[in-house]
Amino acid sequence: MNKQILIIAAHPDDEVLGCGGTIARHVKEGASAHVFFLGDGVSSRGNSDTKLITARKESAVKACEVLGAAVVGFEKFPDNMFDAVPLLDIVKVVESAKKEIDPQIIYTHHGGDLNIDHRITCQAVLTAFRPQPGEEFSEIRAFETNSSTELSTSAIMPPFIPDTFVDITQYLDKLLNAYSCYADEMREEPHARSLEALKIAALRRGREAGLHAAEAFMTLRRICR
């Protein structure tokens, strides 16, 4: 049986920013990757137009196709207002994705991100995947998100301290191609969400691990059965 990978992201494009190269690598190595989005990522900007939300979803599907992943859900939790929703409601949605996919490895946001939706998503994932007898998952990894993780501060939030580095040297171009599907989200240099910034971030993490390009993760839970 091939390995099942589940990515729980707050918004479309977070999956590429956080673990796009790693997704592509998992798929190349024979795993099945599934992406579940909890919010639309645009409505808090005054862009509640249905056409804009639909366009963002279409971009997500295209980006995931580039990576070889499948989008398995779009929830409608209020953008940048996940804290206005009872945590249990979000946990139940994550639990439904857990039941459907039965993943071995889960990727999600870091709990110390500046973005509130990212923090709530992390909390919901940890709650939904709390260890129980008979569980099959082995690891939960938190990824970093450009223009959110690095903008937080250890003065008020736990810092992102990576302990796992995945070599994405062969998949860096695929990551950049996937993010190009989010044309409305891309920014010009020197913004952290420019294509050049994404490349620089991967090269920097690579240098930290003696690799050309890498993505970094912080282990939230690992169970060796």
N, C-alpha and C. Protein backbone atom coordinates (compact mmCIF):
# COMPACT_ATOMS: atom_id res chain seq x y z
N MET A 1 0.84 -1.20 0.00
CA MET A 1 0.00 0.00 0.00
C MET A 1 0.87 1.25 0.00
N ASN A 2 0.56 2.18 -0.89
CA ASN A 2 1.39 3.39 -0.95
C ASN A 2 1.09 4.32 0.22
N LYS A 3 2.05 5.13 0.55
CA LYS A 3 1.93 6.04 1.69
C LYS A 3 0.94 7.15 1.38
N GLN A 4 0.11 7.50 2.37
CA GLN A 4 -0.87 8.57 2.23
C GLN A 4 -0.37 9.81 2.98
N ILE A 5 -0.32 10.92 2.27
CA ILE A 5 0.14 12.19 2.84
C ILE A 5 -1.03 13.16 2.86
N LEU A 6 -1.24 13.83 3.97
CA LEU A 6 -2.33 14.80 4.09
C LEU A 6 -1.76 16.16 4.47
N ILE A 7 -2.12 17.17 3.69
CA ILE A 7 -1.71 18.54 3.98
C ILE A 7 -2.96 19.32 4.38
N ILE A 8 -2.99 19.83 5.59
CA ILE A 8 -4.09 20.67 6.05
C ILE A 8 -3.60 22.11 6.04
N ALA A 9 -4.14 22.90 5.13
CA ALA A 9 -3.70 24.29 4.96
C ALA A 9 -4.85 25.24 5.24
N ALA A 10 -4.52 26.38 5.82
CA ALA A 10 -5.55 27.37 6.10
C ALA A 10 -6.10 27.97 4.82
N HIS A 11 -5.22 28.27 3.87
CA HIS A 11 -5.63 28.96 2.64
C HIS A 11 -4.94 28.37 1.41
N PRO A 12 -5.58 28.46 0.26
CA PRO A 12 -4.92 28.08 -0.98
C PRO A 12 -3.67 28.93 -1.20
N ASP A 13 -2.60 28.33 -1.44
CA ASP A 13 -1.22 28.76 -1.70
C ASP A 13 -0.30 28.43 -0.53
N ASP A 14 -0.89 28.22 0.67
CA ASP A 14 -0.07 27.83 1.82
C ASP A 14 0.61 26.48 1.60
N GLU A 15 -0.07 25.60 0.87
CA GLU A 15 0.49 24.27 0.63
C GLU A 15 1.76 24.34 -0.21
N VAL A 16 1.79 25.26 -1.17
CA VAL A 16 2.98 25.43 -2.00
C VAL A 16 4.09 26.12 -1.22
N LEU A 17 3.72 27.20 -0.54
CA LEU A 17 4.70 27.94 0.25
C LEU A 17 5.34 27.08 1.33
N GLY A 18 4.54 26.23 1.96
CA GLY A 18 5.03 25.47 3.09
C GLY A 18 5.74 24.18 2.75
N CYS A 19 5.22 23.45 1.76
CA CYS A 19 5.80 22.13 1.49
C CYS A 19 5.64 21.69 0.04
N GLY A 20 5.60 22.64 -0.88
CA GLY A 20 5.39 22.30 -2.28
C GLY A 20 6.42 21.34 -2.84
N GLY A 21 7.69 21.59 -2.57
CA GLY A 21 8.73 20.71 -3.07
C GLY A 21 8.67 19.33 -2.44
N THR A 22 8.34 19.30 -1.16
CA THR A 22 8.23 18.03 -0.44
C THR A 22 7.05 17.21 -0.94
N ILE A 23 5.94 17.89 -1.25
CA ILE A 23 4.79 17.19 -1.83
C ILE A 23 5.21 16.51 -3.13
N ALA A 24 5.87 17.28 -4.00
CA ALA A 24 6.31 16.73 -5.29
C ALA A 24 7.24 15.54 -5.09
N ARG A 25 8.11 15.62 -4.09
CA ARG A 25 9.03 14.51 -3.82
C ARG A 25 8.27 13.28 -3.33
N HIS A 26 7.34 13.48 -2.40
CA HIS A 26 6.54 12.35 -1.91
C HIS A 26 5.85 11.63 -3.07
N VAL A 27 5.25 12.41 -3.96
CA VAL A 27 4.52 11.83 -5.09
C VAL A 27 5.47 11.07 -6.01
N LYS A 28 6.63 11.67 -6.29
CA LYS A 28 7.62 11.01 -7.15
C LYS A 28 8.06 9.69 -6.55
N GLU A 29 8.09 9.62 -5.22
CA GLU A 29 8.53 8.40 -4.54
C GLU A 29 7.40 7.40 -4.33
N GLY A 30 6.22 7.70 -4.89
CA GLY A 30 5.13 6.73 -4.88
C GLY A 30 4.01 6.97 -3.90
N ALA A 31 4.07 8.06 -3.16
CA ALA A 31 3.01 8.37 -2.19
C ALA A 31 1.84 9.07 -2.89
N SER A 32 0.71 9.09 -2.21
CA SER A 32 -0.45 9.86 -2.66
C SER A 32 -0.59 11.06 -1.74
N ALA A 33 -0.65 12.26 -2.31
CA ALA A 33 -0.73 13.49 -1.52
C ALA A 33 -2.10 14.12 -1.67
N HIS A 34 -2.68 14.50 -0.54
CA HIS A 34 -4.03 15.06 -0.51
C HIS A 34 -3.99 16.39 0.23
N VAL A 35 -4.63 17.41 -0.34
CA VAL A 35 -4.60 18.75 0.25
C VAL A 35 -6.01 19.17 0.62
N PHE A 36 -6.16 19.65 1.86
CA PHE A 36 -7.46 20.11 2.36
C PHE A 36 -7.31 21.55 2.82
N PHE A 37 -8.16 22.44 2.29
CA PHE A 37 -8.11 23.86 2.64
C PHE A 37 -9.27 24.21 3.58
N LEU A 38 -8.97 24.98 4.61
CA LEU A 38 -9.99 25.35 5.59
C LEU A 38 -10.66 26.69 5.29
N GLY A 39 -10.00 27.56 4.52
CA GLY A 39 -10.58 28.86 4.20
C GLY A 39 -10.21 29.27 2.79
N ASP A 40 -10.82 30.40 2.32
CA ASP A 40 -10.59 30.80 0.92
C ASP A 40 -9.37 31.70 0.74
N GLY A 41 -8.94 32.39 1.79
CA GLY A 41 -7.74 33.20 1.70
C GLY A 41 -7.89 34.56 1.06
N VAL A 42 -9.10 34.94 0.66
CA VAL A 42 -9.27 36.24 -0.01
C VAL A 42 -10.38 37.11 0.55
N SER A 43 -11.39 36.51 1.16
CA SER A 43 -12.58 37.27 1.54
C SER A 43 -12.32 38.35 2.58
N SER A 44 -11.28 38.20 3.42
CA SER A 44 -11.01 39.22 4.43
C SER A 44 -10.46 40.51 3.82
N ARG A 45 -10.06 40.44 2.58
CA ARG A 45 -9.54 41.63 1.90
C ARG A 45 -10.64 42.45 1.24
N GLY A 46 -11.87 42.08 1.51
CA GLY A 46 -12.98 42.75 0.87
C GLY A 46 -13.33 42.10 -0.45
N ASN A 47 -12.67 40.96 -0.72
CA ASN A 47 -12.90 40.24 -1.97
C ASN A 47 -13.84 39.06 -1.74
N SER A 48 -15.06 39.35 -1.35
CA SER A 48 -16.01 38.27 -1.08
C SER A 48 -16.77 37.87 -2.34
N ASP A 49 -16.41 38.48 -3.48
CA ASP A 49 -17.02 38.16 -4.76
C ASP A 49 -16.84 36.66 -5.04
N THR A 50 -17.95 36.00 -5.35
CA THR A 50 -17.91 34.56 -5.60
C THR A 50 -16.94 34.21 -6.72
N LYS A 51 -16.84 35.07 -7.73
CA LYS A 51 -15.94 34.80 -8.85
C LYS A 51 -14.49 34.77 -8.40
N LEU A 52 -14.13 35.67 -7.49
CA LEU A 52 -12.75 35.72 -7.00
C LEU A 52 -12.41 34.49 -6.16
N ILE A 53 -13.38 34.07 -5.35
CA ILE A 53 -13.17 32.88 -4.53
C ILE A 53 -13.06 31.64 -5.42
N THR A 54 -13.91 31.59 -6.44
CA THR A 54 -13.85 30.48 -7.39
C THR A 54 -12.52 30.44 -8.12
N ALA A 55 -12.03 31.63 -8.51
CA ALA A 55 -10.75 31.71 -9.21
C ALA A 55 -9.61 31.21 -8.32
N ARG A 56 -9.68 31.54 -7.04
CA ARG A 56 -8.64 31.08 -6.10
C ARG A 56 -8.67 29.55 -5.98
N LYS A 57 -9.85 28.99 -5.94
CA LYS A 57 -9.97 27.54 -5.87
C LYS A 57 -9.40 26.89 -7.13
N GLU A 58 -9.69 27.49 -8.28
CA GLU A 58 -9.18 26.94 -9.54
C GLU A 58 -7.66 27.00 -9.57
N SER A 59 -7.10 28.08 -9.02
CA SER A 59 -5.64 28.20 -8.95
C SER A 59 -5.07 27.10 -8.06
N ALA A 60 -5.76 26.81 -6.97
CA ALA A 60 -5.30 25.77 -6.05
C ALA A 60 -5.28 24.41 -6.71
N VAL A 61 -6.32 24.11 -7.45
CA VAL A 61 -6.39 22.82 -8.15
C VAL A 61 -5.25 22.70 -9.16
N LYS A 62 -5.00 23.77 -9.90
CA LYS A 62 -3.91 23.76 -10.89
C LYS A 62 -2.55 23.60 -10.21
N ALA A 63 -2.34 24.34 -9.13
CA ALA A 63 -1.06 24.26 -8.42
C ALA A 63 -0.82 22.85 -7.89
N CYS A 64 -1.86 22.26 -7.31
CA CYS A 64 -1.71 20.91 -6.77
C CYS A 64 -1.49 19.89 -7.88
N GLU A 65 -2.10 20.11 -9.03
CA GLU A 65 -1.86 19.22 -10.16
C GLU A 65 -0.40 19.26 -10.59
N VAL A 66 0.19 20.45 -10.56
CA VAL A 66 1.61 20.58 -10.90
C VAL A 66 2.47 19.74 -9.96
N LEU A 67 2.07 19.72 -8.68
CA LEU A 67 2.83 18.98 -7.67
C LEU A 67 2.50 17.50 -7.66
N GLY A 68 1.40 17.13 -8.32
CA GLY A 68 0.97 15.74 -8.33
C GLY A 68 0.02 15.39 -7.20
N ALA A 69 -0.50 16.41 -6.53
CA ALA A 69 -1.40 16.21 -5.39
C ALA A 69 -2.86 16.41 -5.81
N ALA A 70 -3.76 15.93 -4.97
CA ALA A 70 -5.19 16.09 -5.22
C ALA A 70 -5.79 16.98 -4.13
N VAL A 71 -6.64 17.91 -4.54
CA VAL A 71 -7.38 18.71 -3.57
C VAL A 71 -8.59 17.90 -3.14
N VAL A 72 -8.72 17.68 -1.84
CA VAL A 72 -9.81 16.84 -1.34
C VAL A 72 -10.87 17.62 -0.58
N GLY A 73 -10.68 18.94 -0.45
CA GLY A 73 -11.71 19.71 0.24
C GLY A 73 -11.42 21.19 0.32
N PHE A 74 -12.50 21.97 0.21
CA PHE A 74 -12.44 23.42 0.43
C PHE A 74 -13.50 23.75 1.48
N GLU A 75 -13.08 24.09 2.68
CA GLU A 75 -14.04 24.53 3.69
C GLU A 75 -14.26 26.04 3.55
N LYS A 76 -15.19 26.56 4.34
CA LYS A 76 -15.56 27.97 4.21
C LYS A 76 -15.43 28.73 5.53
N PHE A 77 -14.43 28.39 6.33
CA PHE A 77 -14.24 29.15 7.56
C PHE A 77 -13.80 30.57 7.22
N PRO A 78 -14.24 31.56 8.00
CA PRO A 78 -14.03 32.97 7.65
C PRO A 78 -12.56 33.37 7.61
N ASP A 79 -12.16 33.95 6.51
CA ASP A 79 -10.76 34.31 6.29
C ASP A 79 -10.24 35.28 7.33
N ASN A 80 -9.09 34.92 7.92
CA ASN A 80 -8.45 35.70 8.98
C ASN A 80 -9.34 35.88 10.21
N MET A 81 -10.29 34.97 10.37
CA MET A 81 -11.20 35.00 11.52
C MET A 81 -11.49 33.60 12.04
N PHE A 82 -10.54 32.68 11.87
CA PHE A 82 -10.77 31.33 12.38
C PHE A 82 -11.01 31.34 13.89
N ASP A 83 -10.47 32.36 14.56
CA ASP A 83 -10.65 32.44 16.01
C ASP A 83 -12.08 32.81 16.39
N ALA A 84 -12.90 33.20 15.41
CA ALA A 84 -14.30 33.51 15.67
C ALA A 84 -15.17 32.26 15.58
N VAL A 85 -14.56 31.15 15.21
CA VAL A 85 -15.27 29.88 15.05
C VAL A 85 -14.93 28.97 16.22
N PRO A 86 -15.91 28.27 16.79
CA PRO A 86 -15.57 27.31 17.85
C PRO A 86 -14.52 26.31 17.34
N LEU A 87 -13.49 26.11 18.12
CA LEU A 87 -12.41 25.22 17.70
C LEU A 87 -12.95 23.84 17.35
N LEU A 88 -13.94 23.38 18.09
CA LEU A 88 -14.50 22.06 17.85
C LEU A 88 -15.03 21.92 16.43
N ASP A 89 -15.61 23.00 15.89
CA ASP A 89 -16.13 22.94 14.52
C ASP A 89 -15.01 22.68 13.51
N ILE A 90 -13.88 23.31 13.73
CA ILE A 90 -12.74 23.12 12.83
C ILE A 90 -12.14 21.74 13.03
N VAL A 91 -12.05 21.32 14.28
CA VAL A 91 -11.51 19.99 14.58
C VAL A 91 -12.33 18.91 13.88
N LYS A 92 -13.65 19.04 13.91
CA LYS A 92 -14.51 18.03 13.29
C LYS A 92 -14.26 17.93 11.79
N VAL A 93 -14.01 19.07 11.15
CA VAL A 93 -13.72 19.06 9.72
C VAL A 93 -12.39 18.35 9.45
N VAL A 94 -11.39 18.65 10.27
CA VAL A 94 -10.09 17.99 10.11
C VAL A 94 -10.23 16.49 10.38
N GLU A 95 -11.04 16.13 11.35
CA GLU A 95 -11.25 14.72 11.65
C GLU A 95 -11.90 13.99 10.48
N SER A 96 -12.78 14.69 9.76
CA SER A 96 -13.42 14.06 8.59
C SER A 96 -12.39 13.79 7.50
N ALA A 97 -11.45 14.73 7.32
CA ALA A 97 -10.38 14.52 6.34
C ALA A 97 -9.47 13.38 6.79
N LYS A 98 -9.20 13.33 8.08
CA LYS A 98 -8.39 12.25 8.65
C LYS A 98 -9.03 10.89 8.38
N LYS A 99 -10.33 10.81 8.60
CA LYS A 99 -11.04 9.55 8.40
C LYS A 99 -11.04 9.14 6.93
N GLU A 100 -11.21 10.12 6.05
CA GLU A 100 -11.28 9.83 4.62
C GLU A 100 -9.94 9.38 4.05
N ILE A 101 -8.85 10.03 4.47
CA ILE A 101 -7.53 9.77 3.88
C ILE A 101 -6.73 8.73 4.65
N ASP A 102 -6.89 8.69 5.98
CA ASP A 102 -6.11 7.80 6.84
C ASP A 102 -4.61 7.94 6.55
N PRO A 103 -4.08 9.16 6.75
CA PRO A 103 -2.70 9.43 6.36
C PRO A 103 -1.66 8.88 7.33
N GLN A 104 -0.46 8.69 6.81
CA GLN A 104 0.67 8.33 7.66
C GLN A 104 1.45 9.58 8.09
N ILE A 105 1.54 10.57 7.19
CA ILE A 105 2.25 11.81 7.50
C ILE A 105 1.32 12.99 7.24
N ILE A 106 1.31 13.93 8.18
CA ILE A 106 0.46 15.12 8.07
C ILE A 106 1.34 16.35 8.09
N TYR A 107 1.06 17.28 7.19
CA TYR A 107 1.74 18.57 7.16
C TYR A 107 0.72 19.67 7.46
N THR A 108 1.13 20.62 8.29
CA THR A 108 0.25 21.74 8.58
C THR A 108 1.08 22.94 9.03
N HIS A 109 0.39 23.98 9.47
CA HIS A 109 1.06 25.23 9.83
C HIS A 109 1.78 25.15 11.18
N HIS A 110 2.69 26.08 11.36
CA HIS A 110 3.37 26.26 12.64
C HIS A 110 2.46 27.04 13.58
N GLY A 111 2.41 26.61 14.83
CA GLY A 111 1.53 27.23 15.80
C GLY A 111 1.94 28.61 16.26
N GLY A 112 3.10 29.09 15.84
CA GLY A 112 3.55 30.42 16.23
C GLY A 112 3.52 31.43 15.11
N ASP A 113 2.85 31.10 14.01
CA ASP A 113 2.77 32.03 12.88
C ASP A 113 2.05 33.32 13.27
N LEU A 114 2.34 34.38 12.55
CA LEU A 114 1.66 35.64 12.78
C LEU A 114 0.18 35.55 12.41
N ASN A 115 -0.12 34.82 11.35
CA ASN A 115 -1.49 34.70 10.87
C ASN A 115 -2.33 33.85 11.82
N ILE A 116 -3.45 34.40 12.28
CA ILE A 116 -4.30 33.71 13.25
C ILE A 116 -4.88 32.42 12.69
N ASP A 117 -5.22 32.42 11.40
CA ASP A 117 -5.78 31.21 10.80
C ASP A 117 -4.77 30.07 10.82
N HIS A 118 -3.51 30.40 10.62
CA HIS A 118 -2.46 29.39 10.66
C HIS A 118 -2.36 28.78 12.06
N ARG A 119 -2.42 29.62 13.07
CA ARG A 119 -2.29 29.14 14.45
C ARG A 119 -3.47 28.23 14.82
N ILE A 120 -4.66 28.65 14.44
CA ILE A 120 -5.85 27.85 14.75
C ILE A 120 -5.81 26.53 13.99
N THR A 121 -5.35 26.57 12.76
CA THR A 121 -5.25 25.34 11.96
C THR A 121 -4.32 24.34 12.64
N CYS A 122 -3.19 24.81 13.10
CA CYS A 122 -2.24 23.94 13.80
C CYS A 122 -2.89 23.31 15.03
N GLN A 123 -3.58 24.13 15.79
CA GLN A 123 -4.23 23.63 17.00
C GLN A 123 -5.30 22.59 16.67
N ALA A 124 -6.06 22.84 15.61
CA ALA A 124 -7.11 21.91 15.22
C ALA A 124 -6.52 20.58 14.75
N VAL A 125 -5.42 20.64 14.02
CA VAL A 125 -4.78 19.42 13.54
C VAL A 125 -4.24 18.60 14.71
N LEU A 126 -3.58 19.25 15.64
CA LEU A 126 -3.05 18.53 16.80
C LEU A 126 -4.17 17.89 17.61
N THR A 127 -5.30 18.57 17.68
CA THR A 127 -6.44 18.02 18.42
C THR A 127 -7.06 16.84 17.68
N ALA A 128 -7.26 17.01 16.38
CA ALA A 128 -7.87 15.94 15.58
C ALA A 128 -6.99 14.70 15.53
N PHE A 129 -5.67 14.91 15.58
CA PHE A 129 -4.74 13.79 15.51
C PHE A 129 -4.13 13.46 16.87
N ARG A 130 -4.87 13.73 17.94
CA ARG A 130 -4.39 13.33 19.26
C ARG A 130 -4.28 11.80 19.28
N PRO A 131 -3.22 11.27 19.86
CA PRO A 131 -2.98 9.83 19.80
C PRO A 131 -4.10 9.02 20.47
N GLN A 132 -4.55 8.01 19.76
CA GLN A 132 -5.57 7.10 20.25
C GLN A 132 -5.16 5.67 19.91
N PRO A 133 -5.62 4.69 20.69
CA PRO A 133 -5.32 3.30 20.35
C PRO A 133 -5.82 2.96 18.94
N GLY A 134 -5.00 2.27 18.19
CA GLY A 134 -5.39 1.87 16.85
C GLY A 134 -5.08 2.87 15.75
N GLU A 135 -4.54 4.03 16.12
CA GLU A 135 -4.20 5.04 15.11
C GLU A 135 -3.04 4.55 14.24
N GLU A 136 -3.01 5.01 12.99
CA GLU A 136 -1.98 4.58 12.06
C GLU A 136 -0.98 5.67 11.70
N PHE A 137 -1.31 6.95 11.95
CA PHE A 137 -0.40 8.01 11.53
C PHE A 137 0.89 7.96 12.34
N SER A 138 1.97 8.38 11.69
CA SER A 138 3.27 8.29 12.35
C SER A 138 3.90 9.64 12.65
N GLU A 139 3.50 10.69 11.89
CA GLU A 139 4.20 11.96 12.09
C GLU A 139 3.36 13.16 11.66
N ILE A 140 3.47 14.23 12.44
CA ILE A 140 2.88 15.52 12.09
C ILE A 140 4.02 16.52 11.99
N ARG A 141 4.12 17.17 10.85
CA ARG A 141 5.19 18.15 10.62
C ARG A 141 4.59 19.54 10.38
N ALA A 142 5.17 20.53 11.02
CA ALA A 142 4.76 21.92 10.79
C ALA A 142 5.69 22.55 9.76
N PHE A 143 5.10 23.26 8.81
CA PHE A 143 5.91 23.97 7.82
C PHE A 143 5.91 25.46 8.09
N GLU A 144 6.83 26.16 7.47
CA GLU A 144 6.90 27.61 7.57
C GLU A 144 6.24 28.22 6.34
N THR A 145 5.67 29.41 6.51
CA THR A 145 4.96 30.09 5.43
C THR A 145 5.54 31.48 5.25
N ASN A 146 6.07 31.73 4.07
CA ASN A 146 6.66 33.04 3.79
C ASN A 146 5.69 34.17 4.09
N SER A 147 6.18 35.21 4.72
CA SER A 147 5.46 36.42 5.12
C SER A 147 4.48 36.18 6.27
N SER A 148 4.64 35.08 6.97
CA SER A 148 3.85 34.84 8.18
C SER A 148 4.72 34.28 9.29
N THR A 149 5.39 33.17 9.04
CA THR A 149 6.22 32.56 10.07
C THR A 149 7.35 33.48 10.50
N GLU A 150 8.04 34.06 9.53
CA GLU A 150 9.20 34.89 9.87
C GLU A 150 8.81 36.26 10.41
N LEU A 151 7.54 36.64 10.27
CA LEU A 151 7.09 37.94 10.77
C LEU A 151 6.61 37.88 12.21
N SER A 152 6.52 36.66 12.75
CA SER A 152 6.16 36.52 14.16
C SER A 152 7.39 36.83 15.01
N THR A 153 7.22 36.80 16.31
CA THR A 153 8.35 37.08 17.20
C THR A 153 8.29 36.17 18.42
N SER A 154 9.45 35.72 18.85
CA SER A 154 9.52 34.83 20.00
C SER A 154 9.14 35.54 21.30
N ALA A 155 8.98 36.87 21.23
CA ALA A 155 8.57 37.61 22.42
C ALA A 155 7.14 37.26 22.81
N ILE A 156 6.33 36.84 21.82
CA ILE A 156 4.93 36.52 22.12
C ILE A 156 4.49 35.17 21.58
N MET A 157 5.26 34.58 20.67
CA MET A 157 4.88 33.31 20.05
C MET A 157 6.06 32.34 20.09
N PRO A 158 5.78 31.04 20.14
CA PRO A 158 6.87 30.07 20.08
C PRO A 158 7.56 30.14 18.72
N PRO A 159 8.88 30.12 18.69
CA PRO A 159 9.60 30.24 17.41
C PRO A 159 9.55 28.96 16.59
N PHE A 160 9.72 29.11 15.30
CA PHE A 160 9.83 27.96 14.41
C PHE A 160 11.27 27.46 14.46
N ILE A 161 11.46 26.27 15.01
CA ILE A 161 12.80 25.69 15.13
C ILE A 161 12.80 24.37 14.36
N PRO A 162 13.26 24.39 13.13
CA PRO A 162 13.20 23.18 12.30
C PRO A 162 14.13 22.09 12.79
N ASP A 163 13.66 20.85 12.67
CA ASP A 163 14.48 19.70 13.01
C ASP A 163 14.54 18.68 11.87
N THR A 164 13.84 18.99 10.79
CA THR A 164 13.80 18.11 9.63
C THR A 164 13.99 18.94 8.36
N PHE A 165 14.91 18.51 7.52
CA PHE A 165 15.17 19.21 6.25
C PHE A 165 15.01 18.21 5.11
N VAL A 166 14.16 18.55 4.17
CA VAL A 166 13.90 17.66 3.03
C VAL A 166 14.57 18.23 1.78
N ASP A 167 15.39 17.42 1.15
CA ASP A 167 16.09 17.84 -0.06
C ASP A 167 15.08 17.97 -1.21
N ILE A 168 14.91 19.19 -1.70
CA ILE A 168 13.99 19.42 -2.82
C ILE A 168 14.73 19.95 -4.05
N THR A 169 16.02 19.68 -4.11
CA THR A 169 16.83 20.18 -5.22
C THR A 169 16.21 19.83 -6.57
N GLN A 170 15.74 18.60 -6.71
CA GLN A 170 15.16 18.14 -7.98
C GLN A 170 13.75 18.67 -8.21
N TYR A 171 13.17 19.27 -7.17
CA TYR A 171 11.77 19.68 -7.26
C TYR A 171 11.56 21.18 -7.10
N LEU A 172 12.65 21.93 -7.05
CA LEU A 172 12.54 23.38 -6.85
C LEU A 172 11.80 24.04 -8.01
N ASP A 173 12.11 23.66 -9.23
CA ASP A 173 11.42 24.25 -10.38
C ASP A 173 9.93 23.93 -10.35
N LYS A 174 9.60 22.73 -9.92
CA LYS A 174 8.18 22.34 -9.84
C LYS A 174 7.47 23.18 -8.78
N LEU A 175 8.13 23.43 -7.67
CA LEU A 175 7.56 24.30 -6.62
C LEU A 175 7.27 25.69 -7.18
N LEU A 176 8.24 26.25 -7.89
CA LEU A 176 8.07 27.60 -8.44
C LEU A 176 6.98 27.62 -9.51
N ASN A 177 6.90 26.56 -10.31
CA ASN A 177 5.84 26.48 -11.32
C ASN A 177 4.47 26.38 -10.66
N ALA A 178 4.41 25.65 -9.56
CA ALA A 178 3.14 25.52 -8.85
C ALA A 178 2.70 26.86 -8.29
N TYR A 179 3.65 27.61 -7.71
CA TYR A 179 3.26 28.90 -7.14
C TYR A 179 2.88 29.89 -8.23
N SER A 180 3.40 29.71 -9.41
CA SER A 180 3.03 30.59 -10.52
C SER A 180 1.55 30.48 -10.87
N CYS A 181 0.92 29.39 -10.45
CA CYS A 181 -0.52 29.23 -10.67
C CYS A 181 -1.32 30.24 -9.85
N TYR A 182 -0.71 30.75 -8.78
CA TYR A 182 -1.36 31.75 -7.93
C TYR A 182 -0.91 33.15 -8.36
N ALA A 183 -1.24 33.51 -9.57
CA ALA A 183 -0.77 34.79 -10.12
C ALA A 183 -1.22 35.98 -9.27
N ASP A 184 -2.42 35.90 -8.70
CA ASP A 184 -2.94 37.02 -7.90
C ASP A 184 -2.24 37.15 -6.56
N GLU A 185 -1.56 36.09 -6.13
CA GLU A 185 -0.87 36.11 -4.84
C GLU A 185 0.61 36.45 -4.96
N MET A 186 1.15 36.28 -6.14
CA MET A 186 2.56 36.57 -6.34
C MET A 186 2.83 38.07 -6.23
N ARG A 187 3.99 38.40 -5.70
CA ARG A 187 4.39 39.79 -5.54
C ARG A 187 5.75 40.00 -6.20
N GLU A 188 6.09 41.26 -6.40
CA GLU A 188 7.39 41.59 -6.98
C GLU A 188 8.46 41.62 -5.89
N GLU A 189 9.68 41.39 -6.29
CA GLU A 189 10.81 41.54 -5.39
C GLU A 189 10.84 42.95 -4.81
N PRO A 190 11.22 43.12 -3.54
CA PRO A 190 11.77 42.11 -2.63
C PRO A 190 10.73 41.48 -1.70
N HIS A 191 9.48 41.38 -2.11
CA HIS A 191 8.45 40.80 -1.25
C HIS A 191 8.74 39.32 -0.99
N ALA A 192 8.37 38.86 0.20
CA ALA A 192 8.65 37.48 0.60
C ALA A 192 7.89 36.45 -0.23
N ARG A 193 6.86 36.90 -0.96
CA ARG A 193 6.10 35.97 -1.78
C ARG A 193 6.37 36.16 -3.27
N SER A 194 7.51 36.68 -3.59
CA SER A 194 7.95 36.71 -4.98
C SER A 194 8.58 35.36 -5.31
N LEU A 195 8.63 35.01 -6.57
CA LEU A 195 9.26 33.75 -6.95
C LEU A 195 10.73 33.71 -6.55
N GLU A 196 11.39 34.85 -6.68
CA GLU A 196 12.80 34.91 -6.31
C GLU A 196 12.98 34.66 -4.81
N ALA A 197 12.07 35.21 -4.01
CA ALA A 197 12.16 35.02 -2.56
C ALA A 197 11.93 33.55 -2.18
N LEU A 198 11.00 32.90 -2.87
CA LEU A 198 10.76 31.48 -2.61
C LEU A 198 12.00 30.66 -2.93
N LYS A 199 12.64 31.00 -4.03
CA LYS A 199 13.85 30.28 -4.42
C LYS A 199 14.96 30.52 -3.40
N ILE A 200 15.12 31.76 -2.98
CA ILE A 200 16.16 32.10 -2.00
C ILE A 200 15.92 31.36 -0.69
N ALA A 201 14.65 31.28 -0.26
CA ALA A 201 14.32 30.59 0.98
C ALA A 201 14.71 29.11 0.90
N ALA A 202 14.44 28.48 -0.24
CA ALA A 202 14.78 27.07 -0.42
C ALA A 202 16.30 26.87 -0.44
N LEU A 203 17.00 27.80 -1.07
CA LEU A 203 18.46 27.71 -1.11
C LEU A 203 19.06 27.92 0.28
N ARG A 204 18.47 28.86 1.03
CA ARG A 204 18.97 29.12 2.39
C ARG A 204 18.79 27.89 3.28
N ARG A 205 17.61 27.29 3.24
CA ARG A 205 17.37 26.09 4.05
C ARG A 205 18.27 24.95 3.58
N GLY A 206 18.53 24.91 2.29
CA GLY A 206 19.44 23.89 1.79
C GLY A 206 20.83 24.05 2.37
N ARG A 207 21.31 25.28 2.41
CA ARG A 207 22.65 25.53 2.94
C ARG A 207 22.76 25.12 4.40
N GLU A 208 21.66 25.23 5.13
CA GLU A 208 21.67 24.86 6.54
C GLU A 208 21.82 23.36 6.74
N ALA A 209 21.53 22.60 5.68
CA ALA A 209 21.58 21.15 5.78
C ALA A 209 22.60 20.53 4.84
N GLY A 210 23.47 21.35 4.26
CA GLY A 210 24.46 20.82 3.34
C GLY A 210 23.87 20.37 2.03
N LEU A 211 22.74 20.98 1.64
CA LEU A 211 22.04 20.62 0.41
C LEU A 211 21.96 21.84 -0.49
N HIS A 212 21.58 21.61 -1.73
CA HIS A 212 21.41 22.75 -2.64
C HIS A 212 20.12 23.51 -2.30
N ALA A 213 19.02 22.77 -2.18
CA ALA A 213 17.72 23.39 -1.86
C ALA A 213 16.94 22.46 -0.94
N ALA A 214 16.26 23.04 0.02
CA ALA A 214 15.52 22.22 0.98
C ALA A 214 14.31 22.96 1.52
N GLU A 215 13.39 22.20 2.08
CA GLU A 215 12.30 22.75 2.88
C GLU A 215 12.49 22.28 4.30
N ALA A 216 12.18 23.15 5.25
CA ALA A 216 12.42 22.85 6.66
C ALA A 216 11.10 22.62 7.39
N PHE A 217 11.12 21.71 8.33
CA PHE A 217 9.92 21.37 9.10
C PHE A 217 10.25 21.22 10.58
N MET A 218 9.23 21.43 11.38
CA MET A 218 9.35 21.25 12.82
C MET A 218 8.42 20.11 13.22
N THR A 219 8.98 19.08 13.80
CA THR A 219 8.17 17.93 14.18
C THR A 219 7.25 18.29 15.34
N LEU A 220 5.96 18.09 15.14
CA LEU A 220 4.97 18.33 16.20
C LEU A 220 4.68 17.05 16.97
N ARG A 221 4.74 15.93 16.26
CA ARG A 221 4.54 14.64 16.93
C ARG A 221 5.08 13.54 16.03
N ARG A 222 5.79 12.60 16.61
CA ARG A 222 6.27 11.44 15.87
C ARG A 222 6.02 10.20 16.71
N ILE A 223 5.41 9.21 16.11
CA ILE A 223 5.12 7.97 16.81
C ILE A 223 5.74 6.82 16.03
N CYS A 224 6.65 6.10 16.66
CA CYS A 224 7.30 4.97 16.02
C CYS A 224 6.62 3.70 16.50
N ARG A 225 5.90 3.05 15.62
CA ARG A 225 5.16 1.84 15.99
C ARG A 225 5.92 0.59 15.58
